[in-house]
């Protein structure tokens, strides 16, 4: 029997800089007929401005695969650690960020 190299194996490299990751507490998603754009944002408490820290552009097919993979991982996480609490902000940014809410 002949040993054939695995045609489906992908060698993925991860640089030290990318491995550090980028913190994001807000994602803004938009789309056109040919792509989905996900902007990962870092929103700081009390600041009226926020910066996009990373932008990912996906085809609709890849966006669907990402959705399925993310749902699968959320299901596995919740099976292990219990339900993730949804604080019901209806997709809007958490403006108070857990701190005091500004009042006039």
PDB file of N, CA and C in Angstrom:
ATOM      1  N   UNK A   1       0.842  -1.178   0.000  1.00  0.00           N
ATOM      2  CA  UNK A   1       0.000   0.000   0.000  1.00  0.00           C
ATOM      3  C   UNK A   1       0.890   1.245   0.000  1.00  0.00           C
ATOM      4  N   UNK A   2       0.560   2.179  -0.841  1.00  0.00           N
ATOM      5  CA  UNK A   2       1.350   3.391  -1.014  1.00  0.00           C
ATOM      6  C   UNK A   2       0.869   4.477  -0.060  1.00  0.00           C
ATOM      7  N   UNK A   3       1.805   5.183   0.599  1.00  0.00           N
ATOM      8  CA  UNK A   3       1.445   6.304   1.473  1.00  0.00           C
ATOM      9  C   UNK A   3       1.227   7.553   0.638  1.00  0.00           C
ATOM     10  N   UNK A   4       0.005   8.082   0.664  1.00  0.00           N
ATOM     11  CA  UNK A   4      -0.312   9.299  -0.069  1.00  0.00           C
ATOM     12  C   UNK A   4      -0.366  10.466   0.912  1.00  0.00           C
ATOM     13  N   UNK A   5       0.214  11.605   0.534  1.00  0.00           N
ATOM     14  CA  UNK A   5       0.113  12.767   1.424  1.00  0.00           C
ATOM     15  C   UNK A   5      -1.350  13.179   1.570  1.00  0.00           C
ATOM     16  N   UNK A   6      -1.686  13.672   2.740  1.00  0.00           N
ATOM     17  CA  UNK A   6      -3.053  14.107   3.016  1.00  0.00           C
ATOM     18  C   UNK A   6      -3.341  15.379   2.221  1.00  0.00           C
ATOM     19  N   UNK A   7      -4.184  15.274   1.213  1.00  0.00           N
ATOM     20  CA  UNK A   7      -4.511  16.403   0.336  1.00  0.00           C
ATOM     21  C   UNK A   7      -5.322  17.484   1.066  1.00  0.00           C
ATOM     22  N   UNK A   8      -6.006  17.128   2.153  1.00  0.00           N
ATOM     23  CA  UNK A   8      -6.870  18.081   2.849  1.00  0.00           C
ATOM     24  C   UNK A   8      -6.164  18.805   3.989  1.00  0.00           C
ATOM     25  N   UNK A   9      -4.907  18.510   4.235  1.00  0.00           N
ATOM     26  CA  UNK A   9      -4.182  19.127   5.339  1.00  0.00           C
ATOM     27  C   UNK A   9      -3.764  20.546   4.965  1.00  0.00           C
ATOM     28  N   UNK A  10      -4.009  21.487   5.876  1.00  0.00           N
ATOM     29  CA  UNK A  10      -3.635  22.882   5.658  1.00  0.00           C
ATOM     30  C   UNK A  10      -2.652  23.277   6.750  1.00  0.00           C
ATOM     31  N   UNK A  11      -1.545  23.850   6.361  1.00  0.00           N
ATOM     32  CA  UNK A  11      -0.565  24.345   7.315  1.00  0.00           C
ATOM     33  C   UNK A  11      -0.859  25.818   7.574  1.00  0.00           C
ATOM     34  N   UNK A  12      -1.358  26.123   8.766  1.00  0.00           N
ATOM     35  CA  UNK A  12      -1.731  27.490   9.121  1.00  0.00           C
ATOM     36  C   UNK A  12      -0.661  28.067  10.032  1.00  0.00           C
ATOM     37  N   UNK A  13      -0.119  29.219   9.644  1.00  0.00           N
ATOM     38  CA  UNK A  13       0.892  29.889  10.450  1.00  0.00           C
ATOM     39  C   UNK A  13       0.244  31.006  11.256  1.00  0.00           C
ATOM     40  N   UNK A  14       0.716  31.194  12.476  1.00  0.00           N
ATOM     41  CA  UNK A  14       0.192  32.226  13.365  1.00  0.00           C
ATOM     42  C   UNK A  14       1.368  33.014  13.915  1.00  0.00           C
ATOM     43  N   UNK A  15       1.496  34.265  13.492  1.00  0.00           N
ATOM     44  CA  UNK A  15       2.606  35.093  13.977  1.00  0.00           C
ATOM     45  C   UNK A  15       2.367  35.459  15.438  1.00  0.00           C
ATOM     46  N   UNK A  16       3.435  35.850  16.139  1.00  0.00           N
ATOM     47  CA  UNK A  16       3.303  36.238  17.548  1.00  0.00           C
ATOM     48  C   UNK A  16       2.371  37.438  17.706  1.00  0.00           C
ATOM     49  N   UNK A  17       2.477  38.393  16.784  1.00  0.00           N
ATOM     50  CA  UNK A  17       1.649  39.595  16.858  1.00  0.00           C
ATOM     51  C   UNK A  17       0.166  39.255  16.735  1.00  0.00           C
ATOM     52  N   UNK A  18      -0.170  38.418  15.766  1.00  0.00           N
ATOM     53  CA  UNK A  18      -1.568  38.032  15.569  1.00  0.00           C
ATOM     54  C   UNK A  18      -2.041  37.137  16.714  1.00  0.00           C
ATOM     55  N   UNK A  19      -1.163  36.302  17.244  1.00  0.00           N
ATOM     56  CA  UNK A  19      -1.524  35.394  18.338  1.00  0.00           C
ATOM     57  C   UNK A  19      -1.929  36.141  19.597  1.00  0.00           C
ATOM     58  N   UNK A  20      -1.449  37.372  19.763  1.00  0.00           N
ATOM     59  CA  UNK A  20      -1.827  38.178  20.931  1.00  0.00           C
ATOM     60  C   UNK A  20      -3.308  38.520  20.911  1.00  0.00           C
ATOM     61  N   UNK A  21      -3.892  38.610  19.725  1.00  0.00           N
ATOM     62  CA  UNK A  21      -5.310  38.920  19.601  1.00  0.00           C
ATOM     63  C   UNK A  21      -5.598  40.397  19.779  1.00  0.00           C
ATOM     64  N   UNK A  22      -6.823  40.755  19.483  1.00  0.00           N
ATOM     65  CA  UNK A  22      -7.294  42.126  19.634  1.00  0.00           C
ATOM     66  C   UNK A  22      -8.611  42.055  20.391  1.00  0.00           C
ATOM     67  N   UNK A  23      -8.727  42.819  21.476  1.00  0.00           N
ATOM     68  CA  UNK A  23      -9.957  42.824  22.254  1.00  0.00           C
ATOM     69  C   UNK A  23     -11.036  43.621  21.532  1.00  0.00           C
ATOM     70  N   UNK A  24     -12.233  43.073  21.510  1.00  0.00           N
ATOM     71  CA  UNK A  24     -13.385  43.749  20.925  1.00  0.00           C
ATOM     72  C   UNK A  24     -14.605  43.446  21.785  1.00  0.00           C
ATOM     73  N   UNK A  25     -15.418  44.469  22.045  1.00  0.00           N
ATOM     74  CA  UNK A  25     -16.652  44.249  22.795  1.00  0.00           C
ATOM     75  C   UNK A  25     -17.880  44.691  22.005  1.00  0.00           C
ATOM     76  N   UNK A  26     -17.670  44.904  20.690  1.00  0.00           N
ATOM     77  CA  UNK A  26     -18.772  45.278  19.822  1.00  0.00           C
ATOM     78  C   UNK A  26     -18.416  44.870  18.395  1.00  0.00           C
ATOM     79  N   UNK A  27     -19.368  44.293  17.687  1.00  0.00           N
ATOM     80  CA  UNK A  27     -19.178  43.965  16.276  1.00  0.00           C
ATOM     81  C   UNK A  27     -20.277  44.653  15.479  1.00  0.00           C
ATOM     82  N   UNK A  28     -19.878  45.325  14.414  1.00  0.00           N
ATOM     83  CA  UNK A  28     -20.823  45.982  13.517  1.00  0.00           C
ATOM     84  C   UNK A  28     -20.784  45.204  12.211  1.00  0.00           C
ATOM     85  N   UNK A  29     -21.932  44.699  11.791  1.00  0.00           N
ATOM     86  CA  UNK A  29     -21.993  43.834  10.616  1.00  0.00           C
ATOM     87  C   UNK A  29     -22.816  44.505   9.531  1.00  0.00           C
ATOM     88  N   UNK A  30     -22.252  44.540   8.322  1.00  0.00           N
ATOM     89  CA  UNK A  30     -22.979  45.046   7.168  1.00  0.00           C
ATOM     90  C   UNK A  30     -22.747  44.085   6.012  1.00  0.00           C
ATOM     91  N   UNK A  31     -23.550  44.234   4.956  1.00  0.00           N
ATOM     92  CA  UNK A  31     -23.394  43.320   3.826  1.00  0.00           C
ATOM     93  C   UNK A  31     -23.867  43.956   2.525  1.00  0.00           C
ATOM     94  N   UNK A  32     -23.351  43.401   1.450  1.00  0.00           N
ATOM     95  CA  UNK A  32     -23.810  43.732   0.102  1.00  0.00           C
ATOM     96  C   UNK A  32     -24.218  42.411  -0.532  1.00  0.00           C
ATOM     97  N   UNK A  33     -24.514  42.420  -1.816  1.00  0.00           N
ATOM     98  CA  UNK A  33     -24.905  41.166  -2.471  1.00  0.00           C
ATOM     99  C   UNK A  33     -23.733  40.187  -2.560  1.00  0.00           C
ATOM    100  N   UNK A  34     -22.496  40.667  -2.437  1.00  0.00           N
ATOM    101  CA  UNK A  34     -21.348  39.786  -2.641  1.00  0.00           C
ATOM    102  C   UNK A  34     -20.438  39.603  -1.433  1.00  0.00           C
ATOM    103  N   UNK A  35     -20.678  40.347  -0.331  1.00  0.00           N
ATOM    104  CA  UNK A  35     -19.784  40.201   0.818  1.00  0.00           C
ATOM    105  C   UNK A  35     -20.439  40.642   2.119  1.00  0.00           C
ATOM    106  N   UNK A  36     -19.921  40.077   3.203  1.00  0.00           N
ATOM    107  CA  UNK A  36     -20.270  40.494   4.555  1.00  0.00           C
ATOM    108  C   UNK A  36     -19.042  41.174   5.133  1.00  0.00           C
ATOM    109  N   UNK A  37     -19.261  42.279   5.831  1.00  0.00           N
ATOM    110  CA  UNK A  37     -18.168  43.015   6.460  1.00  0.00           C
ATOM    111  C   UNK A  37     -18.447  43.038   7.955  1.00  0.00           C
ATOM    112  N   UNK A  38     -17.470  42.572   8.730  1.00  0.00           N
ATOM    113  CA  UNK A  38     -17.595  42.590  10.188  1.00  0.00           C
ATOM    114  C   UNK A  38     -16.495  43.480  10.733  1.00  0.00           C
ATOM    115  N   UNK A  39     -16.890  44.583  11.363  1.00  0.00           N
ATOM    116  CA  UNK A  39     -15.957  45.484  12.028  1.00  0.00           C
ATOM    117  C   UNK A  39     -15.980  45.169  13.516  1.00  0.00           C
ATOM    118  N   UNK A  40     -14.819  44.830  14.049  1.00  0.00           N
ATOM    119  CA  UNK A  40     -14.686  44.568  15.477  1.00  0.00           C
ATOM    120  C   UNK A  40     -14.199  45.857  16.137  1.00  0.00           C
ATOM    121  N   UNK A  41     -14.973  46.317  17.133  1.00  0.00           N
ATOM    122  CA  UNK A  41     -14.774  47.627  17.735  1.00  0.00           C
ATOM    123  C   UNK A  41     -14.450  47.469  19.212  1.00  0.00           C
ATOM    124  N   UNK A  42     -13.626  48.379  19.714  1.00  0.00           N
ATOM    125  CA  UNK A  42     -13.342  48.462  21.144  1.00  0.00           C
ATOM    126  C   UNK A  42     -14.011  49.729  21.656  1.00  0.00           C
ATOM    127  N   UNK A  43     -15.073  49.553  22.439  1.00  0.00           N
ATOM    128  CA  UNK A  43     -15.857  50.656  22.988  1.00  0.00           C
ATOM    129  C   UNK A  43     -15.477  50.824  24.451  1.00  0.00           C
ATOM    130  N   UNK A  44     -14.966  52.010  24.812  1.00  0.00           N
ATOM    131  CA  UNK A  44     -14.525  52.251  26.185  1.00  0.00           C
ATOM    132  C   UNK A  44     -15.620  52.954  26.987  1.00  0.00           C
ATOM    133  N   UNK A  45     -15.726  52.641  28.278  1.00  0.00           N
ATOM    134  CA  UNK A  45     -16.757  53.265  29.113  1.00  0.00           C
ATOM    135  C   UNK A  45     -16.642  54.791  29.115  1.00  0.00           C
ATOM    136  N   UNK A  46     -17.774  55.454  28.949  1.00  0.00           N
ATOM    137  CA  UNK A  46     -17.818  56.900  29.036  1.00  0.00           C
ATOM    138  C   UNK A  46     -17.251  57.645  27.839  1.00  0.00           C
ATOM    139  N   UNK A  47     -16.766  56.942  26.848  1.00  0.00           N
ATOM    140  CA  UNK A  47     -16.175  57.610  25.686  1.00  0.00           C
ATOM    141  C   UNK A  47     -17.197  57.680  24.558  1.00  0.00           C
ATOM    142  N   UNK A  48     -17.355  58.863  23.946  1.00  0.00           N
ATOM    143  CA  UNK A  48     -18.305  58.985  22.846  1.00  0.00           C
ATOM    144  C   UNK A  48     -17.745  58.441  21.525  1.00  0.00           C
ATOM    145  N   UNK A  49     -16.465  58.088  21.511  1.00  0.00           N
ATOM    146  CA  UNK A  49     -15.831  57.577  20.299  1.00  0.00           C
ATOM    147  C   UNK A  49     -15.387  56.140  20.507  1.00  0.00           C
ATOM    148  N   UNK A  50     -15.343  55.406  19.417  1.00  0.00           N
ATOM    149  CA  UNK A  50     -14.849  54.033  19.461  1.00  0.00           C
ATOM    150  C   UNK A  50     -14.054  53.788  18.189  1.00  0.00           C
ATOM    151  N   UNK A  51     -13.063  52.930  18.270  1.00  0.00           N
ATOM    152  CA  UNK A  51     -12.228  52.640  17.113  1.00  0.00           C
ATOM    153  C   UNK A  51     -12.463  51.228  16.616  1.00  0.00           C
ATOM    154  N   UNK A  52     -12.502  51.091  15.292  1.00  0.00           N
ATOM    155  CA  UNK A  52     -12.520  49.765  14.690  1.00  0.00           C
ATOM    156  C   UNK A  52     -11.117  49.191  14.864  1.00  0.00           C
ATOM    157  N   UNK A  53     -11.027  48.048  15.498  1.00  0.00           N
ATOM    158  CA  UNK A  53      -9.733  47.416  15.751  1.00  0.00           C
ATOM    159  C   UNK A  53      -9.366  46.419  14.672  1.00  0.00           C
ATOM    160  N   UNK A  54     -10.391  45.855  14.009  1.00  0.00           N
ATOM    161  CA  UNK A  54     -10.135  44.877  12.955  1.00  0.00           C
ATOM    162  C   UNK A  54     -11.364  44.792  12.056  1.00  0.00           C
ATOM    163  N   UNK A  55     -11.135  44.557  10.768  1.00  0.00           N
ATOM    164  CA  UNK A  55     -12.233  44.389   9.812  1.00  0.00           C
ATOM    165  C   UNK A  55     -12.005  43.080   9.076  1.00  0.00           C
ATOM    166  N   UNK A  56     -13.059  42.268   9.019  1.00  0.00           N
ATOM    167  CA  UNK A  56     -13.017  41.003   8.299  1.00  0.00           C
ATOM    168  C   UNK A  56     -14.053  41.086   7.181  1.00  0.00           C
ATOM    169  N   UNK A  57     -13.643  40.721   5.968  1.00  0.00           N
ATOM    170  CA  UNK A  57     -14.540  40.724   4.817  1.00  0.00           C
ATOM    171  C   UNK A  57     -14.694  39.280   4.350  1.00  0.00           C
ATOM    172  N   UNK A  58     -15.943  38.827   4.263  1.00  0.00           N
ATOM    173  CA  UNK A  58     -16.245  37.443   3.937  1.00  0.00           C
ATOM    174  C   UNK A  58     -17.224  37.353   2.769  1.00  0.00           C
ATOM    175  N   UNK A  59     -17.131  36.269   2.013  1.00  0.00           N
ATOM    176  CA  UNK A  59     -18.174  35.987   1.034  1.00  0.00           C
ATOM    177  C   UNK A  59     -19.415  35.527   1.811  1.00  0.00           C
ATOM    178  N   UNK A  60     -20.601  35.605   1.215  1.00  0.00           N
ATOM    179  CA  UNK A  60     -21.795  35.113   1.909  1.00  0.00           C
ATOM    180  C   UNK A  60     -21.658  33.642   2.332  1.00  0.00           C
ATOM    181  N   UNK A  61     -21.040  32.823   1.497  1.00  0.00           N
ATOM    182  CA  UNK A  61     -20.858  31.404   1.841  1.00  0.00           C
ATOM    183  C   UNK A  61     -19.972  31.243   3.074  1.00  0.00           C
ATOM    184  N   UNK A  62     -18.884  32.011   3.139  1.00  0.00           N
ATOM    185  CA  UNK A  62     -18.002  31.924   4.303  1.00  0.00           C
ATOM    186  C   UNK A  62     -18.675  32.492   5.548  1.00  0.00           C
ATOM    187  N   UNK A  63     -19.499  33.531   5.380  1.00  0.00           N
ATOM    188  CA  UNK A  63     -20.237  34.079   6.516  1.00  0.00           C
ATOM    189  C   UNK A  63     -21.178  33.025   7.091  1.00  0.00           C
ATOM    190  N   UNK A  64     -21.837  32.273   6.223  1.00  0.00           N
ATOM    191  CA  UNK A  64     -22.751  31.205   6.664  1.00  0.00           C
ATOM    192  C   UNK A  64     -21.970  30.118   7.405  1.00  0.00           C
ATOM    193  N   UNK A  65     -20.796  29.749   6.875  1.00  0.00           N
ATOM    194  CA  UNK A  65     -19.960  28.743   7.552  1.00  0.00           C
ATOM    195  C   UNK A  65     -19.485  29.246   8.911  1.00  0.00           C
ATOM    196  N   UNK A  66     -19.137  30.539   8.984  1.00  0.00           N
ATOM    197  CA  UNK A  66     -18.724  31.127  10.259  1.00  0.00           C
ATOM    198  C   UNK A  66     -19.868  31.080  11.259  1.00  0.00           C
ATOM    199  N   UNK A  67     -21.076  31.407  10.801  1.00  0.00           N
ATOM    200  CA  UNK A  67     -22.245  31.368  11.675  1.00  0.00           C
ATOM    201  C   UNK A  67     -22.455  29.962  12.235  1.00  0.00           C
ATOM    202  N   UNK A  68     -22.366  28.952  11.377  1.00  0.00           N
ATOM    203  CA  UNK A  68     -22.560  27.565  11.820  1.00  0.00           C
ATOM    204  C   UNK A  68     -21.467  27.141  12.788  1.00  0.00           C
ATOM    205  N   UNK A  69     -20.216  27.507  12.492  1.00  0.00           N
ATOM    206  CA  UNK A  69     -19.097  27.142  13.365  1.00  0.00           C
ATOM    207  C   UNK A  69     -19.218  27.844  14.716  1.00  0.00           C
ATOM    208  N   UNK A  70     -19.629  29.111  14.700  1.00  0.00           N
ATOM    209  CA  UNK A  70     -19.794  29.847  15.948  1.00  0.00           C
ATOM    210  C   UNK A  70     -20.929  29.257  16.778  1.00  0.00           C
ATOM    211  N   UNK A  71     -22.046  28.907  16.127  1.00  0.00           N
ATOM    212  CA  UNK A  71     -23.166  28.302  16.851  1.00  0.00           C
ATOM    213  C   UNK A  71     -22.762  26.961  17.455  1.00  0.00           C
ATOM    214  N   UNK A  72     -22.017  26.160  16.698  1.00  0.00           N
ATOM    215  CA  UNK A  72     -21.540  24.875  17.193  1.00  0.00           C
ATOM    216  C   UNK A  72     -20.660  25.069  18.423  1.00  0.00           C
ATOM    217  N   UNK A  73     -19.776  26.053  18.382  1.00  0.00           N
ATOM    218  CA  UNK A  73     -18.888  26.306  19.517  1.00  0.00           C
ATOM    219  C   UNK A  73     -19.631  26.878  20.712  1.00  0.00           C
ATOM    220  N   UNK A  74     -20.644  27.708  20.477  1.00  0.00           N
ATOM    221  CA  UNK A  74     -21.461  28.220  21.578  1.00  0.00           C
ATOM    222  C   UNK A  74     -22.205  27.065  22.246  1.00  0.00           C
ATOM    223  N   UNK A  75     -22.766  26.167  21.443  1.00  0.00           N
ATOM    224  CA  UNK A  75     -23.458  24.997  22.004  1.00  0.00           C
ATOM    225  C   UNK A  75     -22.513  24.160  22.861  1.00  0.00           C
ATOM    226  N   UNK A  76     -21.293  23.927  22.390  1.00  0.00           N
ATOM    227  CA  UNK A  76     -20.308  23.146  23.152  1.00  0.00           C
ATOM    228  C   UNK A  76     -19.934  23.862  24.444  1.00  0.00           C
ATOM    229  N   UNK A  77     -19.734  25.191  24.372  1.00  0.00           N
ATOM    230  CA  UNK A  77     -19.388  25.988  25.542  1.00  0.00           C
ATOM    231  C   UNK A  77     -20.490  25.893  26.586  1.00  0.00           C
ATOM    232  N   UNK A  78     -21.765  26.086  26.150  1.00  0.00           N
ATOM    233  CA  UNK A  78     -22.882  26.071  27.084  1.00  0.00           C
ATOM    234  C   UNK A  78     -23.109  24.685  27.669  1.00  0.00           C
ATOM    235  N   UNK A  79     -22.816  23.661  26.917  1.00  0.00           N
ATOM    236  CA  UNK A  79     -22.943  22.303  27.442  1.00  0.00           C
ATOM    237  C   UNK A  79     -21.950  22.080  28.584  1.00  0.00           C
ATOM    238  N   UNK A  80     -20.792  22.689  28.454  1.00  0.00           N
ATOM    239  CA  UNK A  80     -19.737  22.541  29.456  1.00  0.00           C
ATOM    240  C   UNK A  80     -19.885  23.498  30.638  1.00  0.00           C
ATOM    241  N   UNK A  81     -20.298  24.755  30.350  1.00  0.00           N
ATOM    242  CA  UNK A  81     -20.263  25.805  31.365  1.00  0.00           C
ATOM    243  C   UNK A  81     -21.630  26.371  31.729  1.00  0.00           C
ATOM    244  N   UNK A  82     -22.673  25.919  31.084  1.00  0.00           N
ATOM    245  CA  UNK A  82     -24.004  26.463  31.343  1.00  0.00           C
ATOM    246  C   UNK A  82     -24.326  27.593  30.379  1.00  0.00           C
ATOM    247  N   UNK A  83     -25.584  28.025  30.381  1.00  0.00           N
ATOM    248  CA  UNK A  83     -26.037  29.039  29.428  1.00  0.00           C
ATOM    249  C   UNK A  83     -25.272  30.361  29.556  1.00  0.00           C
ATOM    250  N   UNK A  84     -25.011  30.966  28.427  1.00  0.00           N
ATOM    251  CA  UNK A  84     -24.424  32.303  28.402  1.00  0.00           C
ATOM    252  C   UNK A  84     -25.559  33.282  28.625  1.00  0.00           C
ATOM    253  N   UNK A  85     -25.392  34.198  29.569  1.00  0.00           N
ATOM    254  CA  UNK A  85     -26.446  35.169  29.875  1.00  0.00           C
ATOM    255  C   UNK A  85     -26.513  36.220  28.780  1.00  0.00           C
ATOM    256  N   UNK A  86     -27.723  36.502  28.336  1.00  0.00           N
ATOM    257  CA  UNK A  86     -27.982  37.564  27.368  1.00  0.00           C
ATOM    258  C   UNK A  86     -28.648  38.682  28.150  1.00  0.00           C
ATOM    259  N   UNK A  87     -27.982  39.805  28.233  1.00  0.00           N
ATOM    260  CA  UNK A  87     -28.496  40.900  29.051  1.00  0.00           C
ATOM    261  C   UNK A  87     -29.535  41.745  28.324  1.00  0.00           C
ATOM    262  N   UNK A  88     -29.975  41.281  27.148  1.00  0.00           N
ATOM    263  CA  UNK A  88     -31.120  41.883  26.475  1.00  0.00           C
ATOM    264  C   UNK A  88     -30.937  43.294  25.982  1.00  0.00           C
ATOM    265  N   UNK A  89     -29.761  43.608  25.407  1.00  0.00           N
ATOM    266  CA  UNK A  89     -29.585  44.962  24.896  1.00  0.00           C
ATOM    267  C   UNK A  89     -29.990  45.075  23.430  1.00  0.00           C
ATOM    268  N   UNK A  90     -30.672  44.062  22.908  1.00  0.00           N
ATOM    269  CA  UNK A  90     -31.223  44.078  21.547  1.00  0.00           C
ATOM    270  C   UNK A  90     -30.194  44.417  20.477  1.00  0.00           C
ATOM    271  N   UNK A  91     -28.948  44.015  20.676  1.00  0.00           N
ATOM    272  CA  UNK A  91     -27.924  44.231  19.669  1.00  0.00           C
ATOM    273  C   UNK A  91     -27.290  45.607  19.700  1.00  0.00           C
ATOM    274  N   UNK A  92     -27.746  46.468  20.605  1.00  0.00           N
ATOM    275  CA  UNK A  92     -27.160  47.798  20.688  1.00  0.00           C
ATOM    276  C   UNK A  92     -25.969  47.765  21.623  1.00  0.00           C
ATOM    277  N   UNK A  93     -25.035  48.685  21.448  1.00  0.00           N
ATOM    278  CA  UNK A  93     -23.843  48.679  22.297  1.00  0.00           C
ATOM    279  C   UNK A  93     -24.198  48.856  23.761  1.00  0.00           C
ATOM    280  N   UNK A  94     -23.439  48.225  24.635  1.00  0.00           N
ATOM    281  CA  UNK A  94     -23.668  48.378  26.072  1.00  0.00           C
ATOM    282  C   UNK A  94     -23.084  49.698  26.552  1.00  0.00           C
ATOM    283  N   UNK A  95     -23.846  50.777  26.391  1.00  0.00           N
ATOM    284  CA  UNK A  95     -23.302  52.108  26.636  1.00  0.00           C
ATOM    285  C   UNK A  95     -22.830  52.307  28.063  1.00  0.00           C
ATOM    286  N   UNK A  96     -23.456  51.662  29.047  1.00  0.00           N
ATOM    287  CA  UNK A  96     -23.003  51.857  30.418  1.00  0.00           C
ATOM    288  C   UNK A  96     -21.769  51.030  30.715  1.00  0.00           C
ATOM    289  N   UNK A  97     -21.529  49.964  29.937  1.00  0.00           N
ATOM    290  CA  UNK A  97     -20.355  49.100  30.086  1.00  0.00           C
ATOM    291  C   UNK A  97     -20.188  48.614  31.533  1.00  0.00           C
ATOM    292  N   UNK A  98     -21.297  48.465  32.242  1.00  0.00           N
ATOM    293  CA  UNK A  98     -21.227  47.935  33.600  1.00  0.00           C
ATOM    294  C   UNK A  98     -20.935  48.993  34.641  1.00  0.00           C
ATOM    295  N   UNK A  99     -20.598  50.211  34.244  1.00  0.00           N
ATOM    296  CA  UNK A  99     -20.315  51.282  35.176  1.00  0.00           C
ATOM    297  C   UNK A  99     -21.562  52.100  35.427  1.00  0.00           C
ATOM    298  N   UNK A 100     -21.403  53.202  36.134  1.00  0.00           N
ATOM    299  CA  UNK A 100     -22.561  54.058  36.416  1.00  0.00           C
ATOM    300  C   UNK A 100     -23.114  54.666  35.124  1.00  0.00           C
ATOM    301  N   UNK A 101     -24.410  54.821  35.078  1.00  0.00           N
ATOM    302  CA  UNK A 101     -25.070  55.419  33.909  1.00  0.00           C
ATOM    303  C   UNK A 101     -25.086  56.925  34.116  1.00  0.00           C
ATOM    304  N   UNK A 102     -24.622  57.666  33.094  1.00  0.00           N
ATOM    305  CA  UNK A 102     -24.578  59.118  33.195  1.00  0.00           C
ATOM    306  C   UNK A 102     -25.979  59.703  33.305  1.00  0.00           C
ATOM    307  N   UNK A 103     -26.126  60.704  34.154  1.00  0.00           N
ATOM    308  CA  UNK A 103     -27.410  61.373  34.312  1.00  0.00           C
ATOM    309  C   UNK A 103     -27.187  62.875  34.244  1.00  0.00           C
ATOM    310  N   UNK A 104     -28.171  63.584  33.686  1.00  0.00           N
ATOM    311  CA  UNK A 104     -28.055  65.055  33.588  1.00  0.00           C
ATOM    312  C   UNK A 104     -28.656  65.711  34.795  1.00  0.00           C
TER     313      UNK A 104
END
